[in-house]
């Protein structure tokens, strides 16, 4: 998947590429990969990575806190858009008119992504930008294998039984991670304990 990120930078130029980052596990992996490529392939490039954060209408405080932490830790230029995705993208591209490609953490199991290509322009009725999805064919377990192996910081909600993050109003802990203790009390296991990745979105309402 690294070759797709490298091709994106080569085709569009580092200064014309941004990352869609909402604090979720998938785009956290993507961001880590992007930073690794910049360090190894473009050691003289010192400009902060531009990220677009489309903030949900009712975000988890933990998500916003994590995004702030990541911004400071990695020296990112994060543009927060408190609007819907389409309207937010339009607003972002109006303010950053040089941007030509968006690196995304989308996977094929995400809604409306089953037929997505790794390089694919936005639909005709959307603001025009090349979508690049290097993780498109990664599985849920591979995301967690990566985060845990490389000890990449991730949002704390994943340790509390959440497996797919939206807003407070449409996200609950994944029922598949509910665990009964010997004393009959119940706890939620962390997201990386989920055995069936196909149930990843069972916590979205």
N, C-alpha and C. Protein backbone atom coordinates (compact mmCIF):
# COMPACT_ATOMS: atom_id res chain seq x y z
N UNK A 1 0.82 -1.21 0.00
CA UNK A 1 0.00 0.00 0.00
C UNK A 1 0.85 1.26 0.00
N UNK A 2 2.12 1.11 0.39
CA UNK A 2 3.00 2.28 0.40
C UNK A 2 3.16 2.87 -0.99
N UNK A 3 3.13 1.99 -2.00
CA UNK A 3 3.33 2.49 -3.36
C UNK A 3 2.22 3.43 -3.79
N UNK A 4 1.03 3.26 -3.23
CA UNK A 4 -0.08 4.15 -3.59
C UNK A 4 0.12 5.54 -3.01
N UNK A 5 0.63 5.59 -1.79
CA UNK A 5 0.91 6.89 -1.18
C UNK A 5 2.04 7.58 -1.93
N UNK A 6 3.08 6.81 -2.27
CA UNK A 6 4.20 7.38 -3.01
C UNK A 6 3.76 7.88 -4.38
N UNK A 7 2.89 7.12 -5.05
CA UNK A 7 2.38 7.54 -6.36
C UNK A 7 1.56 8.82 -6.24
N UNK A 8 0.78 8.91 -5.18
CA UNK A 8 -0.02 10.11 -4.95
C UNK A 8 0.88 11.33 -4.81
N UNK A 9 1.94 11.22 -4.02
CA UNK A 9 2.86 12.33 -3.85
C UNK A 9 3.57 12.66 -5.17
N UNK A 10 3.94 11.62 -5.91
CA UNK A 10 4.65 11.82 -7.17
C UNK A 10 3.76 12.47 -8.22
N UNK A 11 2.51 12.02 -8.30
CA UNK A 11 1.60 12.53 -9.33
C UNK A 11 1.10 13.94 -9.05
N UNK A 12 0.88 14.25 -7.77
CA UNK A 12 0.20 15.51 -7.44
C UNK A 12 1.08 16.52 -6.71
N UNK A 13 2.22 16.06 -6.18
CA UNK A 13 3.10 16.97 -5.44
C UNK A 13 2.73 17.02 -3.98
N UNK A 14 3.72 17.00 -3.11
CA UNK A 14 3.48 16.97 -1.67
C UNK A 14 2.58 18.11 -1.20
N UNK A 15 2.81 19.28 -1.77
CA UNK A 15 2.09 20.48 -1.31
C UNK A 15 0.64 20.50 -1.77
N UNK A 16 0.26 19.57 -2.64
CA UNK A 16 -1.10 19.54 -3.18
C UNK A 16 -1.92 18.36 -2.69
N UNK A 17 -1.42 17.70 -1.66
CA UNK A 17 -2.09 16.51 -1.11
C UNK A 17 -2.46 16.77 0.34
N UNK A 18 -3.66 16.39 0.72
CA UNK A 18 -4.06 16.49 2.13
C UNK A 18 -4.62 15.16 2.60
N UNK A 19 -4.70 15.03 3.91
CA UNK A 19 -5.19 13.79 4.53
C UNK A 19 -6.55 14.06 5.17
N UNK A 20 -7.49 13.18 4.91
CA UNK A 20 -8.77 13.24 5.61
C UNK A 20 -8.60 12.53 6.95
N UNK A 21 -8.71 13.29 8.04
CA UNK A 21 -8.40 12.73 9.36
C UNK A 21 -9.49 13.09 10.35
N UNK A 22 -10.15 12.06 10.89
CA UNK A 22 -11.23 12.30 11.86
C UNK A 22 -10.96 11.66 13.22
N UNK A 23 -9.72 11.20 13.42
CA UNK A 23 -9.37 10.59 14.70
C UNK A 23 -9.66 9.11 14.79
N UNK A 24 -10.22 8.52 13.74
CA UNK A 24 -10.53 7.10 13.75
C UNK A 24 -9.30 6.24 13.54
N UNK A 25 -9.46 4.95 13.79
CA UNK A 25 -8.34 4.02 13.73
C UNK A 25 -7.73 3.91 12.34
N UNK A 26 -8.58 3.90 11.31
CA UNK A 26 -8.08 3.70 9.95
C UNK A 26 -7.23 4.87 9.48
N UNK A 27 -7.73 6.08 9.66
CA UNK A 27 -6.95 7.24 9.23
C UNK A 27 -5.75 7.48 10.15
N UNK A 28 -5.78 6.93 11.36
CA UNK A 28 -4.61 7.00 12.23
C UNK A 28 -3.48 6.14 11.67
N UNK A 29 -3.83 4.95 11.17
CA UNK A 29 -2.85 4.11 10.48
C UNK A 29 -2.33 4.83 9.24
N UNK A 30 -3.24 5.38 8.46
CA UNK A 30 -2.85 6.09 7.24
C UNK A 30 -1.88 7.22 7.54
N UNK A 31 -2.19 8.02 8.54
CA UNK A 31 -1.33 9.15 8.89
C UNK A 31 0.06 8.67 9.28
N UNK A 32 0.14 7.58 10.03
CA UNK A 32 1.43 7.02 10.44
C UNK A 32 2.23 6.57 9.22
N UNK A 33 1.57 5.95 8.26
CA UNK A 33 2.24 5.53 7.02
C UNK A 33 2.74 6.74 6.23
N UNK A 34 1.91 7.76 6.14
CA UNK A 34 2.29 8.97 5.41
C UNK A 34 3.51 9.62 6.04
N UNK A 35 3.51 9.72 7.34
CA UNK A 35 4.64 10.32 8.05
C UNK A 35 5.91 9.51 7.83
N UNK A 36 5.77 8.19 7.81
CA UNK A 36 6.93 7.33 7.57
C UNK A 36 7.52 7.53 6.19
N UNK A 37 6.66 7.66 5.19
CA UNK A 37 7.14 7.88 3.82
C UNK A 37 7.81 9.25 3.70
N UNK A 38 7.22 10.26 4.30
CA UNK A 38 7.84 11.59 4.25
C UNK A 38 9.22 11.57 4.88
N UNK A 39 9.34 10.87 5.99
CA UNK A 39 10.63 10.82 6.69
C UNK A 39 11.68 10.08 5.87
N UNK A 40 11.29 9.00 5.21
CA UNK A 40 12.26 8.17 4.49
C UNK A 40 12.52 8.66 3.07
N UNK A 41 11.48 9.14 2.39
CA UNK A 41 11.62 9.51 0.98
C UNK A 41 11.82 11.01 0.75
N UNK A 42 11.32 11.81 1.67
CA UNK A 42 11.39 13.27 1.51
C UNK A 42 11.92 13.91 2.80
N UNK A 43 13.14 13.57 3.20
CA UNK A 43 13.66 14.05 4.49
C UNK A 43 13.80 15.56 4.59
N UNK A 44 13.87 16.23 3.46
CA UNK A 44 14.04 17.69 3.47
C UNK A 44 12.71 18.44 3.47
N UNK A 45 11.61 17.70 3.37
CA UNK A 45 10.29 18.35 3.35
C UNK A 45 9.86 18.62 4.79
N UNK A 46 9.74 19.85 5.16
CA UNK A 46 9.48 20.22 6.56
C UNK A 46 8.11 20.85 6.79
N UNK A 47 7.36 21.09 5.73
CA UNK A 47 6.04 21.70 5.91
C UNK A 47 5.10 20.72 6.63
N UNK A 48 4.23 21.24 7.48
CA UNK A 48 3.29 20.35 8.16
C UNK A 48 2.32 19.70 7.18
N UNK A 49 1.93 18.48 7.46
CA UNK A 49 0.93 17.80 6.65
C UNK A 49 -0.41 18.49 6.86
N UNK A 50 -1.10 18.76 5.77
CA UNK A 50 -2.42 19.37 5.85
C UNK A 50 -3.47 18.27 6.02
N UNK A 51 -4.32 18.42 7.02
CA UNK A 51 -5.39 17.45 7.27
C UNK A 51 -6.73 18.18 7.32
N UNK A 52 -7.75 17.52 6.83
CA UNK A 52 -9.11 18.03 6.92
C UNK A 52 -9.89 17.17 7.91
N UNK A 53 -10.41 17.81 8.94
CA UNK A 53 -11.21 17.12 9.95
C UNK A 53 -12.65 17.58 9.82
N UNK A 54 -13.49 16.72 9.27
CA UNK A 54 -14.92 17.03 9.18
C UNK A 54 -15.55 16.60 10.50
N UNK A 55 -15.83 17.57 11.34
CA UNK A 55 -16.30 17.31 12.70
C UNK A 55 -17.79 16.97 12.70
N UNK A 56 -18.15 15.91 13.40
CA UNK A 56 -19.56 15.54 13.49
C UNK A 56 -20.32 16.61 14.29
N UNK A 57 -21.63 16.59 14.17
CA UNK A 57 -22.45 17.61 14.83
C UNK A 57 -22.40 17.48 16.35
N UNK A 58 -22.07 16.30 16.84
CA UNK A 58 -22.01 16.07 18.28
C UNK A 58 -20.81 15.18 18.59
N UNK A 59 -19.60 15.71 18.47
CA UNK A 59 -18.40 14.88 18.58
C UNK A 59 -18.12 14.42 20.01
N UNK A 60 -17.47 13.28 20.12
CA UNK A 60 -16.98 12.84 21.41
C UNK A 60 -15.85 13.76 21.85
N UNK A 61 -15.85 14.21 23.10
CA UNK A 61 -14.72 15.01 23.58
C UNK A 61 -13.40 14.26 23.46
N UNK A 62 -13.45 12.93 23.64
CA UNK A 62 -12.23 12.13 23.53
C UNK A 62 -11.64 12.18 22.13
N UNK A 63 -12.51 12.25 21.12
CA UNK A 63 -12.03 12.33 19.74
C UNK A 63 -11.35 13.67 19.49
N UNK A 64 -11.99 14.75 19.90
CA UNK A 64 -11.39 16.07 19.71
C UNK A 64 -10.08 16.20 20.48
N UNK A 65 -10.04 15.63 21.68
CA UNK A 65 -8.80 15.66 22.46
C UNK A 65 -7.69 14.90 21.75
N UNK A 66 -8.03 13.74 21.21
CA UNK A 66 -7.03 12.94 20.49
C UNK A 66 -6.52 13.69 19.27
N UNK A 67 -7.41 14.33 18.53
CA UNK A 67 -7.00 15.07 17.34
C UNK A 67 -6.07 16.22 17.72
N UNK A 68 -6.36 16.90 18.80
CA UNK A 68 -5.48 17.98 19.27
C UNK A 68 -4.11 17.42 19.65
N UNK A 69 -4.10 16.27 20.32
CA UNK A 69 -2.84 15.65 20.71
C UNK A 69 -2.02 15.26 19.48
N UNK A 70 -2.68 14.65 18.50
CA UNK A 70 -1.99 14.24 17.28
C UNK A 70 -1.46 15.46 16.53
N UNK A 71 -2.25 16.51 16.47
CA UNK A 71 -1.82 17.74 15.80
C UNK A 71 -0.52 18.26 16.41
N UNK A 72 -0.46 18.32 17.72
CA UNK A 72 0.72 18.85 18.38
C UNK A 72 1.90 17.89 18.29
N UNK A 73 1.63 16.59 18.41
CA UNK A 73 2.70 15.58 18.42
C UNK A 73 3.38 15.48 17.06
N UNK A 74 2.57 15.51 15.99
CA UNK A 74 3.11 15.34 14.64
C UNK A 74 3.29 16.66 13.89
N UNK A 75 2.94 17.78 14.52
CA UNK A 75 3.03 19.09 13.88
C UNK A 75 2.21 19.13 12.59
N UNK A 76 0.91 18.90 12.74
CA UNK A 76 0.00 18.88 11.60
C UNK A 76 -0.71 20.21 11.44
N UNK A 77 -1.12 20.49 10.23
CA UNK A 77 -1.97 21.64 9.93
C UNK A 77 -3.39 21.10 9.74
N UNK A 78 -4.17 21.07 10.82
CA UNK A 78 -5.50 20.48 10.77
C UNK A 78 -6.55 21.57 10.60
N UNK A 79 -7.33 21.44 9.55
CA UNK A 79 -8.43 22.36 9.29
C UNK A 79 -9.72 21.68 9.74
N UNK A 80 -10.36 22.22 10.76
CA UNK A 80 -11.60 21.64 11.28
C UNK A 80 -12.80 22.23 10.56
N UNK A 81 -13.63 21.35 10.02
CA UNK A 81 -14.81 21.76 9.26
C UNK A 81 -16.06 21.26 9.99
N UNK A 82 -16.79 22.13 10.68
CA UNK A 82 -17.99 21.70 11.42
C UNK A 82 -19.22 21.66 10.53
N UNK A 83 -19.14 20.93 9.44
CA UNK A 83 -20.23 20.86 8.47
C UNK A 83 -20.35 19.42 7.98
N UNK A 84 -21.31 19.18 7.09
CA UNK A 84 -21.40 17.88 6.44
C UNK A 84 -20.21 17.65 5.53
N UNK A 85 -20.01 16.41 5.11
CA UNK A 85 -18.81 16.07 4.35
C UNK A 85 -18.74 16.84 3.04
N UNK A 86 -19.82 16.84 2.27
CA UNK A 86 -19.78 17.51 0.96
C UNK A 86 -19.58 19.01 1.11
N UNK A 87 -20.36 19.61 1.99
CA UNK A 87 -20.24 21.05 2.22
C UNK A 87 -18.88 21.38 2.81
N UNK A 88 -18.42 20.51 3.71
CA UNK A 88 -17.12 20.74 4.33
C UNK A 88 -15.98 20.65 3.33
N UNK A 89 -16.06 19.67 2.44
CA UNK A 89 -15.03 19.53 1.41
C UNK A 89 -15.02 20.74 0.49
N UNK A 90 -16.19 21.21 0.13
CA UNK A 90 -16.28 22.38 -0.74
C UNK A 90 -15.65 23.60 -0.07
N UNK A 91 -15.96 23.78 1.21
CA UNK A 91 -15.39 24.90 1.96
C UNK A 91 -13.88 24.77 2.07
N UNK A 92 -13.42 23.55 2.33
CA UNK A 92 -11.98 23.32 2.46
C UNK A 92 -11.25 23.64 1.16
N UNK A 93 -11.78 23.13 0.04
CA UNK A 93 -11.11 23.34 -1.24
C UNK A 93 -11.17 24.79 -1.69
N UNK A 94 -12.16 25.53 -1.24
CA UNK A 94 -12.21 26.96 -1.55
C UNK A 94 -11.08 27.70 -0.84
N UNK A 95 -10.77 27.26 0.38
CA UNK A 95 -9.72 27.93 1.15
C UNK A 95 -8.32 27.39 0.82
N UNK A 96 -8.26 26.19 0.26
CA UNK A 96 -6.98 25.57 -0.13
C UNK A 96 -7.08 25.13 -1.59
N UNK A 97 -7.12 26.10 -2.47
CA UNK A 97 -7.43 25.83 -3.88
C UNK A 97 -6.35 25.03 -4.59
N UNK A 98 -5.16 24.91 -4.00
CA UNK A 98 -4.10 24.14 -4.63
C UNK A 98 -4.26 22.64 -4.43
N UNK A 99 -5.13 22.23 -3.52
CA UNK A 99 -5.24 20.82 -3.18
C UNK A 99 -5.89 20.02 -4.31
N UNK A 100 -5.20 18.94 -4.70
CA UNK A 100 -5.66 18.13 -5.84
C UNK A 100 -6.01 16.70 -5.45
N UNK A 101 -5.47 16.21 -4.35
CA UNK A 101 -5.70 14.81 -3.97
C UNK A 101 -5.87 14.69 -2.47
N UNK A 102 -6.73 13.76 -2.08
CA UNK A 102 -7.03 13.53 -0.67
C UNK A 102 -6.72 12.09 -0.31
N UNK A 103 -5.80 11.89 0.62
CA UNK A 103 -5.51 10.56 1.14
C UNK A 103 -6.55 10.22 2.20
N UNK A 104 -7.18 9.05 2.05
CA UNK A 104 -8.28 8.67 2.93
C UNK A 104 -8.03 7.29 3.54
N UNK A 105 -8.57 7.08 4.73
CA UNK A 105 -8.45 5.79 5.40
C UNK A 105 -9.60 4.85 5.10
N UNK A 106 -10.33 5.11 4.05
CA UNK A 106 -11.49 4.30 3.69
C UNK A 106 -11.09 2.85 3.43
N UNK A 107 -11.93 1.93 3.93
CA UNK A 107 -11.78 0.51 3.63
C UNK A 107 -13.04 0.01 2.91
N UNK A 108 -12.89 -1.08 2.21
CA UNK A 108 -13.98 -1.56 1.36
C UNK A 108 -15.23 -1.92 2.14
N UNK A 109 -15.09 -2.21 3.42
CA UNK A 109 -16.25 -2.54 4.25
C UNK A 109 -17.00 -1.31 4.73
N UNK A 110 -16.48 -0.12 4.45
CA UNK A 110 -17.18 1.10 4.83
C UNK A 110 -18.40 1.30 3.92
N UNK A 111 -19.40 2.02 4.40
CA UNK A 111 -20.59 2.26 3.58
C UNK A 111 -20.25 2.89 2.22
N UNK A 112 -20.87 2.37 1.16
CA UNK A 112 -20.74 2.89 -0.20
C UNK A 112 -19.32 2.76 -0.77
N UNK A 113 -18.51 1.88 -0.19
CA UNK A 113 -17.12 1.77 -0.63
C UNK A 113 -16.78 0.42 -1.27
N UNK A 114 -17.78 -0.42 -1.43
CA UNK A 114 -17.54 -1.77 -1.94
C UNK A 114 -16.90 -1.76 -3.33
N UNK A 115 -17.30 -0.82 -4.17
CA UNK A 115 -16.80 -0.77 -5.55
C UNK A 115 -15.78 0.35 -5.77
N UNK A 116 -15.34 0.97 -4.70
CA UNK A 116 -14.40 2.09 -4.81
C UNK A 116 -13.05 1.61 -5.35
N UNK A 117 -12.40 2.44 -6.13
CA UNK A 117 -11.05 2.18 -6.61
C UNK A 117 -10.05 2.91 -5.71
N UNK A 118 -8.82 2.44 -5.70
CA UNK A 118 -7.81 3.07 -4.84
C UNK A 118 -7.59 4.52 -5.27
N UNK A 119 -7.55 4.78 -6.57
CA UNK A 119 -7.52 6.14 -7.09
C UNK A 119 -8.84 6.39 -7.80
N UNK A 120 -9.63 7.30 -7.29
CA UNK A 120 -10.92 7.58 -7.91
C UNK A 120 -11.35 9.01 -7.61
N UNK A 121 -11.73 9.73 -8.66
CA UNK A 121 -12.22 11.09 -8.48
C UNK A 121 -13.54 11.08 -7.71
N UNK A 122 -13.80 12.16 -7.02
CA UNK A 122 -15.11 12.31 -6.39
C UNK A 122 -16.19 12.30 -7.47
N UNK A 123 -17.40 11.96 -7.07
CA UNK A 123 -18.52 11.92 -8.02
C UNK A 123 -18.74 13.30 -8.64
N UNK A 124 -19.39 13.31 -9.79
CA UNK A 124 -19.52 14.54 -10.59
C UNK A 124 -20.24 15.66 -9.85
N UNK A 125 -21.15 15.31 -8.94
CA UNK A 125 -21.91 16.34 -8.22
C UNK A 125 -21.22 16.77 -6.93
N UNK A 126 -20.00 16.29 -6.72
CA UNK A 126 -19.20 16.69 -5.55
C UNK A 126 -18.09 17.63 -5.99
N UNK A 127 -17.51 18.39 -5.03
CA UNK A 127 -16.29 19.13 -5.34
C UNK A 127 -15.23 18.16 -5.86
N UNK A 128 -14.51 18.55 -6.90
CA UNK A 128 -13.63 17.62 -7.58
C UNK A 128 -12.24 17.53 -6.93
N UNK A 129 -11.91 16.30 -6.53
CA UNK A 129 -10.60 16.01 -5.96
C UNK A 129 -10.36 14.51 -6.14
N UNK A 130 -9.11 14.13 -6.30
CA UNK A 130 -8.78 12.71 -6.42
C UNK A 130 -8.77 12.08 -5.03
N UNK A 131 -9.59 11.06 -4.87
CA UNK A 131 -9.59 10.29 -3.62
C UNK A 131 -8.57 9.16 -3.74
N UNK A 132 -7.70 9.05 -2.76
CA UNK A 132 -6.69 7.99 -2.75
C UNK A 132 -6.87 7.19 -1.47
N UNK A 133 -7.16 5.90 -1.62
CA UNK A 133 -7.51 5.05 -0.47
C UNK A 133 -6.54 3.88 -0.38
N UNK A 134 -5.34 4.10 0.17
CA UNK A 134 -4.32 3.04 0.21
C UNK A 134 -4.72 1.83 1.07
N UNK A 135 -5.61 2.03 2.03
CA UNK A 135 -6.00 0.94 2.94
C UNK A 135 -7.27 0.24 2.49
N UNK A 136 -7.67 0.44 1.27
CA UNK A 136 -8.97 -0.01 0.81
C UNK A 136 -9.22 -1.49 1.06
N UNK A 137 -8.21 -2.31 0.89
CA UNK A 137 -8.39 -3.76 1.03
C UNK A 137 -7.81 -4.31 2.34
N UNK A 138 -7.54 -3.45 3.29
CA UNK A 138 -7.13 -3.91 4.61
C UNK A 138 -8.35 -4.42 5.37
N UNK A 139 -8.11 -5.41 6.23
CA UNK A 139 -9.16 -5.92 7.09
C UNK A 139 -9.08 -5.26 8.47
N UNK A 140 -10.16 -5.36 9.20
CA UNK A 140 -10.23 -4.80 10.56
C UNK A 140 -9.05 -5.27 11.41
N UNK A 141 -8.78 -6.57 11.36
CA UNK A 141 -7.70 -7.13 12.19
C UNK A 141 -6.34 -6.58 11.80
N UNK A 142 -6.14 -6.28 10.51
CA UNK A 142 -4.86 -5.75 10.06
C UNK A 142 -4.64 -4.33 10.57
N UNK A 143 -5.71 -3.57 10.66
CA UNK A 143 -5.60 -2.23 11.23
C UNK A 143 -5.08 -2.31 12.66
N UNK A 144 -5.67 -3.20 13.44
CA UNK A 144 -5.25 -3.32 14.84
C UNK A 144 -3.88 -3.97 14.98
N UNK A 145 -3.56 -4.91 14.11
CA UNK A 145 -2.21 -5.48 14.13
C UNK A 145 -1.17 -4.39 13.93
N UNK A 146 -1.44 -3.47 13.02
CA UNK A 146 -0.51 -2.38 12.73
C UNK A 146 -0.38 -1.44 13.93
N UNK A 147 -1.51 -0.99 14.44
CA UNK A 147 -1.49 -0.03 15.55
C UNK A 147 -0.77 -0.60 16.76
N UNK A 148 -1.02 -1.87 17.06
CA UNK A 148 -0.43 -2.47 18.25
C UNK A 148 1.04 -2.80 18.03
N UNK A 149 1.38 -3.29 16.85
CA UNK A 149 2.77 -3.67 16.58
C UNK A 149 3.69 -2.46 16.63
N UNK A 150 3.25 -1.37 16.01
CA UNK A 150 4.08 -0.16 15.96
C UNK A 150 3.80 0.79 17.12
N UNK A 151 2.93 0.38 18.02
CA UNK A 151 2.60 1.17 19.21
C UNK A 151 2.19 2.60 18.83
N UNK A 152 1.32 2.68 17.85
CA UNK A 152 0.83 3.98 17.39
C UNK A 152 -0.26 4.47 18.34
N UNK A 153 -0.17 5.68 18.86
CA UNK A 153 -1.24 6.21 19.72
C UNK A 153 -2.57 6.25 18.97
N UNK A 154 -3.65 5.89 19.65
CA UNK A 154 -4.98 5.93 19.05
C UNK A 154 -5.97 6.47 20.06
N UNK A 155 -7.17 6.79 19.60
CA UNK A 155 -8.19 7.39 20.46
C UNK A 155 -8.57 6.44 21.60
N UNK A 156 -8.68 6.98 22.79
CA UNK A 156 -8.93 6.18 23.99
C UNK A 156 -10.27 5.46 23.96
N UNK A 157 -11.22 5.92 23.16
CA UNK A 157 -12.53 5.28 23.11
C UNK A 157 -12.44 3.83 22.65
N UNK A 158 -11.42 3.51 21.87
CA UNK A 158 -11.27 2.14 21.39
C UNK A 158 -10.94 1.17 22.52
N UNK A 159 -10.41 1.67 23.60
CA UNK A 159 -10.13 0.82 24.76
C UNK A 159 -11.36 0.65 25.64
N UNK A 160 -12.45 1.32 25.30
CA UNK A 160 -13.66 1.26 26.10
C UNK A 160 -14.80 0.51 25.41
N UNK A 161 -14.47 -0.22 24.34
CA UNK A 161 -15.48 -1.04 23.69
C UNK A 161 -16.07 -0.45 22.42
N UNK A 162 -15.61 0.72 22.01
CA UNK A 162 -16.07 1.30 20.74
C UNK A 162 -15.21 0.75 19.61
N UNK A 163 -15.83 0.41 18.50
CA UNK A 163 -15.08 -0.15 17.37
C UNK A 163 -15.19 0.69 16.11
N UNK A 164 -16.18 1.57 16.03
CA UNK A 164 -16.37 2.46 14.89
C UNK A 164 -16.92 3.77 15.44
N UNK A 165 -16.21 4.86 15.17
CA UNK A 165 -16.54 6.12 15.82
C UNK A 165 -17.31 7.06 14.90
N UNK A 166 -18.46 7.52 15.38
CA UNK A 166 -19.20 8.59 14.75
C UNK A 166 -19.34 9.71 15.77
N UNK A 167 -20.56 10.22 15.92
CA UNK A 167 -20.83 11.22 16.94
C UNK A 167 -21.45 10.58 18.17
N UNK A 168 -21.58 11.36 19.23
CA UNK A 168 -22.18 10.86 20.47
C UNK A 168 -23.60 10.37 20.23
N UNK A 169 -24.29 10.99 19.30
CA UNK A 169 -25.70 10.68 19.06
C UNK A 169 -25.92 9.41 18.25
N UNK A 170 -24.88 8.88 17.60
CA UNK A 170 -25.09 7.70 16.76
C UNK A 170 -24.05 6.60 16.96
N UNK A 171 -23.38 6.63 18.11
CA UNK A 171 -22.33 5.64 18.38
C UNK A 171 -22.46 5.10 19.80
N UNK A 172 -22.47 3.77 19.91
CA UNK A 172 -22.45 3.12 21.22
C UNK A 172 -21.32 2.10 21.22
N UNK A 173 -21.05 1.55 22.40
CA UNK A 173 -20.07 0.48 22.48
C UNK A 173 -20.58 -0.74 21.71
N UNK A 174 -19.66 -1.47 21.14
CA UNK A 174 -20.04 -2.64 20.35
C UNK A 174 -20.55 -3.76 21.26
N UNK A 175 -21.80 -4.19 21.10
CA UNK A 175 -22.35 -5.24 21.97
C UNK A 175 -21.55 -6.54 21.91
N UNK A 176 -20.84 -6.77 20.82
CA UNK A 176 -20.05 -7.99 20.70
C UNK A 176 -18.84 -8.01 21.62
N UNK A 177 -18.52 -6.87 22.21
CA UNK A 177 -17.38 -6.80 23.13
C UNK A 177 -17.80 -6.81 24.59
N UNK A 178 -19.10 -6.98 24.84
CA UNK A 178 -19.58 -7.07 26.22
C UNK A 178 -19.12 -8.39 26.82
N UNK A 179 -18.52 -8.32 27.99
CA UNK A 179 -17.92 -9.52 28.61
C UNK A 179 -18.41 -9.65 30.05
N UNK A 180 -18.85 -10.85 30.39
CA UNK A 180 -19.33 -11.12 31.75
C UNK A 180 -18.19 -11.62 32.62
N UNK A 181 -17.95 -10.92 33.71
CA UNK A 181 -16.90 -11.29 34.65
C UNK A 181 -17.38 -12.41 35.58
N UNK A 182 -16.45 -13.00 36.30
CA UNK A 182 -16.79 -14.09 37.22
C UNK A 182 -17.74 -13.65 38.32
N UNK A 183 -17.69 -12.38 38.69
CA UNK A 183 -18.56 -11.88 39.75
C UNK A 183 -19.89 -11.36 39.19
N UNK A 184 -20.19 -11.72 37.95
CA UNK A 184 -21.42 -11.34 37.26
C UNK A 184 -21.47 -9.87 36.82
N UNK A 185 -20.40 -9.14 37.04
CA UNK A 185 -20.34 -7.78 36.52
C UNK A 185 -20.00 -7.83 35.03
N UNK A 186 -20.27 -6.73 34.34
CA UNK A 186 -20.03 -6.69 32.90
C UNK A 186 -19.02 -5.59 32.55
N UNK A 187 -18.16 -5.90 31.63
CA UNK A 187 -17.22 -4.91 31.12
C UNK A 187 -17.21 -4.98 29.59
N UNK A 188 -16.67 -3.95 28.96
CA UNK A 188 -16.47 -3.98 27.52
C UNK A 188 -14.98 -4.16 27.23
N UNK A 189 -14.68 -5.13 26.40
CA UNK A 189 -13.31 -5.37 25.99
C UNK A 189 -12.87 -4.30 24.99
N UNK A 190 -11.56 -4.10 24.83
CA UNK A 190 -11.08 -3.11 23.85
C UNK A 190 -11.36 -3.56 22.42
N UNK A 191 -11.33 -2.61 21.52
CA UNK A 191 -11.72 -2.85 20.12
C UNK A 191 -10.87 -3.93 19.46
N UNK A 192 -9.60 -4.02 19.84
CA UNK A 192 -8.74 -5.00 19.18
C UNK A 192 -9.05 -6.44 19.58
N UNK A 193 -9.98 -6.63 20.52
CA UNK A 193 -10.41 -7.97 20.92
C UNK A 193 -11.59 -8.47 20.09
N UNK A 194 -12.11 -7.64 19.22
CA UNK A 194 -13.25 -8.06 18.40
C UNK A 194 -12.82 -9.18 17.46
N UNK A 195 -13.52 -10.31 17.52
CA UNK A 195 -13.11 -11.48 16.74
C UNK A 195 -13.59 -11.43 15.30
N UNK A 196 -14.74 -10.87 15.07
CA UNK A 196 -15.32 -10.82 13.74
C UNK A 196 -15.35 -9.38 13.23
N UNK A 197 -14.44 -9.07 12.32
CA UNK A 197 -14.37 -7.70 11.81
C UNK A 197 -15.62 -7.26 11.08
N UNK A 198 -16.44 -8.22 10.66
CA UNK A 198 -17.69 -7.87 9.97
C UNK A 198 -18.70 -7.22 10.91
N UNK A 199 -18.48 -7.34 12.22
CA UNK A 199 -19.38 -6.73 13.20
C UNK A 199 -18.84 -5.40 13.71
N UNK A 200 -17.85 -4.86 13.03
CA UNK A 200 -17.19 -3.62 13.43
C UNK A 200 -18.16 -2.47 13.64
N UNK A 201 -19.18 -2.38 12.80
CA UNK A 201 -20.11 -1.25 12.85
C UNK A 201 -21.36 -1.55 13.67
N UNK A 202 -21.33 -2.62 14.47
CA UNK A 202 -22.50 -2.94 15.30
C UNK A 202 -22.73 -1.92 16.40
N UNK A 203 -21.77 -1.04 16.61
CA UNK A 203 -21.94 0.01 17.59
C UNK A 203 -22.43 1.32 17.00
N UNK A 204 -22.76 1.32 15.70
CA UNK A 204 -23.29 2.53 15.06
C UNK A 204 -24.80 2.41 14.98
N UNK A 205 -25.49 3.47 15.37
CA UNK A 205 -26.95 3.42 15.41
C UNK A 205 -27.56 4.35 14.36
